[in-house]
């Protein structure tokens, strides 16, 4: 299986992880400051609202970043994987964690204490600028997503999100583009501001039309062209 490419969809700079932005010597020096940790699937790496003491540099595996509102609604904010840094915001501001990070599969990461991390940035202006660039790219991508989603219906947002997953986490198989990250219906709902019931209805609609196939925490996109038409708000009769 190979990584899938969905024609017509452009990438975003925020998808270049932090470690990939560093020179090899800086990367090795940073990793040498910490100690390696292993997490099993569905284990929480970081907890929202808790005090922070370290950052995590992901070496292997994928995680989800979520935030819970006061009414209990949980939003999926991002997916972070190999090369990504998590917990850096709390490290730099001294504030409690703003989100929860949970392993979607087996994850291997390096934990670096706050003091060591900030001292490293002081010694390495290039690494500090790389982190600043990453933060800027993530903010721009989030702003762009909010702007796009504000003008879309739930159906259109869901189609656009599936296309985004296909581009960034898709594997080409004989059946279609398999999403390589195991997201539940609730997590899919949290990504597009919808209810779990609405996502169930949309998935059934897409299955009935042969656009996707689904299994337990598995989703294969068979017709990305149809998803693109939905995301562009074409009429259902045009599918």
Protein backbone atom coordinates (compact mmCIF):
# COMPACT_ATOMS: atom_id res chain seq x y z
CA UNK A 1 0.00 0.00 0.00
CA UNK A 2 1.19 3.52 -0.77
CA UNK A 3 0.22 6.95 0.47
CA UNK A 4 -2.81 8.21 -1.37
CA UNK A 5 -2.88 11.40 -3.39
CA UNK A 6 -6.20 13.07 -4.03
CA UNK A 7 -5.93 15.17 -7.19
CA UNK A 8 -7.07 18.75 -6.89
CA UNK A 9 -6.43 19.10 -3.16
CA UNK A 10 -3.47 21.24 -2.04
CA UNK A 11 -1.40 20.73 1.08
CA UNK A 12 -0.90 23.12 3.98
CA UNK A 13 2.44 24.12 5.49
CA UNK A 14 1.19 23.28 8.98
CA UNK A 15 1.50 19.61 8.07
CA UNK A 16 5.31 19.82 8.11
CA UNK A 17 6.12 18.59 11.65
CA UNK A 18 8.48 20.36 14.02
CA UNK A 19 11.31 17.82 13.95
CA UNK A 20 11.35 17.92 10.14
CA UNK A 21 11.92 21.69 10.32
CA UNK A 22 15.15 21.27 12.31
CA UNK A 23 18.62 20.54 11.03
CA UNK A 24 19.81 17.04 11.91
CA UNK A 25 22.24 18.27 14.59
CA UNK A 26 19.56 20.37 16.30
CA UNK A 27 17.09 17.50 16.10
CA UNK A 28 19.53 15.07 17.71
CA UNK A 29 20.46 17.58 20.41
CA UNK A 30 16.82 18.19 21.31
CA UNK A 31 15.92 14.49 21.48
CA UNK A 32 18.98 13.85 23.65
CA UNK A 33 17.53 16.20 26.30
CA UNK A 34 14.58 13.94 27.04
CA UNK A 35 13.60 10.39 27.83
CA UNK A 36 11.52 8.01 25.78
CA UNK A 37 7.97 7.05 26.73
CA UNK A 38 5.57 4.49 25.26
CA UNK A 39 1.78 4.76 25.22
CA UNK A 40 -0.82 2.18 24.27
CA UNK A 41 -3.86 2.90 22.06
CA UNK A 42 -6.47 5.20 23.66
CA UNK A 43 -4.09 6.20 26.47
CA UNK A 44 -4.05 9.94 27.26
CA UNK A 45 -0.64 11.55 26.88
CA UNK A 46 -1.66 15.01 28.09
CA UNK A 47 -4.75 16.16 30.00
CA UNK A 48 -6.72 19.35 29.45
CA UNK A 49 -6.57 21.87 32.36
CA UNK A 50 -3.76 20.05 34.16
CA UNK A 51 -0.46 21.79 34.99
CA UNK A 52 2.25 21.10 32.44
CA UNK A 53 5.84 20.10 33.08
CA UNK A 54 7.11 18.85 29.71
CA UNK A 55 6.67 18.78 25.96
CA UNK A 56 6.37 15.61 23.92
CA UNK A 57 8.08 14.90 20.61
CA UNK A 58 6.30 12.08 18.77
CA UNK A 59 8.58 9.51 17.15
CA UNK A 60 6.01 6.91 16.13
CA UNK A 61 2.22 6.64 16.02
CA UNK A 62 -0.72 9.03 15.74
CA UNK A 63 -2.61 10.99 18.37
CA UNK A 64 -5.76 13.10 18.49
CA UNK A 65 -5.96 16.54 20.12
CA UNK A 66 -9.34 17.30 21.69
CA UNK A 67 -10.89 19.98 23.89
CA UNK A 68 -14.04 19.64 25.96
CA UNK A 69 -16.55 22.45 26.44
CA UNK A 70 -18.37 23.13 29.71
CA UNK A 71 -21.48 21.33 28.40
CA UNK A 72 -19.45 18.17 27.73
CA UNK A 73 -19.16 18.53 23.94
CA UNK A 74 -15.75 17.37 22.75
CA UNK A 75 -14.18 18.86 19.63
CA UNK A 76 -11.45 17.18 17.62
CA UNK A 77 -8.91 19.95 17.07
CA UNK A 78 -6.08 18.16 15.27
CA UNK A 79 -4.24 14.94 14.57
CA UNK A 80 -0.55 14.83 15.49
CA UNK A 81 1.91 12.17 14.40
CA UNK A 82 5.59 11.38 13.80
CA UNK A 83 7.81 14.44 14.09
CA UNK A 84 5.15 16.58 15.75
CA UNK A 85 5.57 18.45 19.01
CA UNK A 86 2.71 18.62 21.53
CA UNK A 87 2.39 20.56 24.76
CA UNK A 88 4.61 23.40 23.58
CA UNK A 89 2.01 26.12 24.17
CA UNK A 90 1.76 25.36 27.88
CA UNK A 91 5.55 25.10 28.08
CA UNK A 92 6.03 28.58 26.66
CA UNK A 93 3.19 30.33 28.51
CA UNK A 94 3.27 28.50 31.84
CA UNK A 95 -0.49 27.99 31.62
CA UNK A 96 -2.39 24.71 32.17
CA UNK A 97 -2.89 22.36 29.24
CA UNK A 98 -5.43 23.72 26.75
CA UNK A 99 -6.31 20.33 25.28
CA UNK A 100 -6.18 16.58 25.82
CA UNK A 101 -3.94 14.42 23.63
CA UNK A 102 -4.85 10.74 23.23
CA UNK A 103 -3.03 7.94 21.42
CA UNK A 104 -4.98 6.50 18.48
CA UNK A 105 -2.51 3.61 18.24
CA UNK A 106 0.75 2.62 19.91
CA UNK A 107 2.78 5.81 20.33
CA UNK A 108 6.45 6.32 21.09
CA UNK A 109 7.54 9.80 22.18
CA UNK A 110 10.36 11.70 23.87
CA UNK A 111 9.47 13.88 26.88
CA UNK A 112 11.57 17.01 27.43
CA UNK A 113 11.16 19.01 30.63
CA UNK A 114 10.05 22.63 30.24
CA UNK A 115 13.26 24.15 31.56
CA UNK A 116 15.44 22.07 29.26
CA UNK A 117 13.20 22.84 26.30
CA UNK A 118 13.22 26.62 26.80
CA UNK A 119 16.99 26.59 27.40
CA UNK A 120 17.39 24.70 24.13
CA UNK A 121 15.37 27.38 22.31
CA UNK A 122 17.53 30.10 23.91
CA UNK A 123 20.67 28.38 22.61
CA UNK A 124 19.23 27.69 19.17
CA UNK A 125 17.61 30.70 17.45
CA UNK A 126 17.01 28.56 14.34
CA UNK A 127 14.94 26.08 16.37
CA UNK A 128 13.06 28.94 18.03
CA UNK A 129 12.19 30.38 14.61
CA UNK A 130 11.17 26.92 13.40
CA UNK A 131 8.75 26.64 16.33
CA UNK A 132 7.45 30.15 15.66
CA UNK A 133 6.91 29.24 12.01
CA UNK A 134 5.04 26.08 12.96
CA UNK A 135 2.81 28.02 15.35
CA UNK A 136 2.08 30.58 12.64
CA UNK A 137 1.31 27.88 10.07
CA UNK A 138 -1.05 26.09 12.47
CA UNK A 139 -2.86 29.36 13.27
CA UNK A 140 -3.27 30.23 9.60
CA UNK A 141 -4.56 26.75 8.81
CA UNK A 142 -7.06 26.92 11.70
CA UNK A 143 -8.26 30.35 10.57
CA UNK A 144 -8.67 29.10 7.02
CA UNK A 145 -10.61 26.06 8.20
CA UNK A 146 -12.94 28.22 10.33
CA UNK A 147 -13.57 30.56 7.41
CA UNK A 148 -14.31 27.70 5.02
CA UNK A 149 -16.50 25.82 7.48
CA UNK A 150 -18.52 28.94 8.37
CA UNK A 151 -19.97 28.98 4.85
CA UNK A 152 -20.59 25.22 4.60
CA UNK A 153 -23.41 22.94 5.64
CA UNK A 154 -22.63 19.96 7.87
CA UNK A 155 -22.73 17.67 4.81
CA UNK A 156 -20.23 19.86 2.98
CA UNK A 157 -17.94 20.14 6.02
CA UNK A 158 -17.99 16.38 6.48
CA UNK A 159 -17.07 15.75 2.83
CA UNK A 160 -14.25 18.31 3.03
CA UNK A 161 -12.93 16.72 6.22
CA UNK A 162 -12.90 13.23 4.71
CA UNK A 163 -10.98 14.58 1.72
CA UNK A 164 -8.50 16.21 4.09
CA UNK A 165 -8.01 12.90 5.92
CA UNK A 166 -7.57 11.10 2.60
CA UNK A 167 -4.85 13.54 1.59
CA UNK A 168 -2.94 13.49 4.87
CA UNK A 169 -3.69 10.04 6.31
CA UNK A 170 -4.84 7.97 3.34
CA UNK A 171 -3.42 4.69 2.04
CA UNK A 172 -4.16 3.55 -1.48
CA UNK A 173 -5.63 0.03 -1.52
CA UNK A 174 -7.44 -2.10 -4.12
CA UNK A 175 -10.76 -1.01 -2.59
CA UNK A 176 -10.00 2.72 -2.48
CA UNK A 177 -8.32 5.18 -0.12
CA UNK A 178 -8.23 3.74 3.39
CA UNK A 179 -7.98 6.26 6.22
CA UNK A 180 -4.97 5.23 8.28
CA UNK A 181 -6.15 6.85 11.53
CA UNK A 182 -8.85 5.02 13.51
CA UNK A 183 -11.50 7.66 14.33
CA UNK A 184 -14.83 6.85 15.95
CA UNK A 185 -18.12 8.39 14.79
CA UNK A 186 -18.02 10.67 17.81
CA UNK A 187 -14.54 11.85 16.87
CA UNK A 188 -15.63 12.43 13.27
CA UNK A 189 -18.58 14.43 14.59
CA UNK A 190 -16.33 16.49 16.82
CA UNK A 191 -14.20 17.43 13.83
CA UNK A 192 -17.04 19.10 11.92
CA UNK A 193 -19.21 20.45 14.73
CA UNK A 194 -21.97 17.90 14.28
CA UNK A 195 -23.77 15.33 16.40
CA UNK A 196 -22.90 11.64 16.34
CA UNK A 197 -26.38 10.93 14.94
CA UNK A 198 -25.84 13.34 12.06
CA UNK A 199 -22.53 11.71 11.17
CA UNK A 200 -24.20 8.28 11.25
CA UNK A 201 -26.84 9.54 8.79
CA UNK A 202 -24.22 11.07 6.50
CA UNK A 203 -22.13 7.88 6.50
CA UNK A 204 -25.21 5.81 5.67
CA UNK A 205 -26.01 8.18 2.82
CA UNK A 206 -22.45 7.88 1.48
CA UNK A 207 -22.44 4.08 1.87
CA UNK A 208 -25.76 3.76 0.05
CA UNK A 209 -24.34 5.76 -2.86
CA UNK A 210 -21.13 3.69 -2.95
CA UNK A 211 -18.95 6.65 -2.00
CA UNK A 212 -17.42 5.02 1.11
CA UNK A 213 -17.31 1.67 2.86
CA UNK A 214 -17.04 1.41 6.64
CA UNK A 215 -16.09 -1.13 9.28
CA UNK A 216 -15.07 -1.05 12.92
CA UNK A 217 -12.95 2.12 13.16
CA UNK A 218 -12.16 1.71 9.45
CA UNK A 219 -13.29 3.87 6.54
CA UNK A 220 -12.41 3.52 2.86
CA UNK A 221 -13.16 6.29 0.37
CA UNK A 222 -14.18 4.71 -2.92
CA UNK A 223 -15.30 7.85 -4.78
CA UNK A 224 -13.28 10.94 -3.76
CA UNK A 225 -14.67 12.72 -6.83
CA UNK A 226 -18.15 12.57 -5.31
CA UNK A 227 -16.87 13.96 -2.01
CA UNK A 228 -15.30 16.86 -3.90
CA UNK A 229 -18.61 17.63 -5.55
CA UNK A 230 -20.39 17.55 -2.19
CA UNK A 231 -17.77 19.83 -0.63
CA UNK A 232 -18.32 22.28 -3.51
CA UNK A 233 -22.05 22.35 -2.68
CA UNK A 234 -23.32 20.76 -5.87
CA UNK A 235 -26.88 19.47 -5.76
CA UNK A 236 -27.41 15.83 -4.61
CA UNK A 237 -28.94 15.07 -8.00
CA UNK A 238 -25.62 15.90 -9.63
CA UNK A 239 -23.75 13.16 -7.75
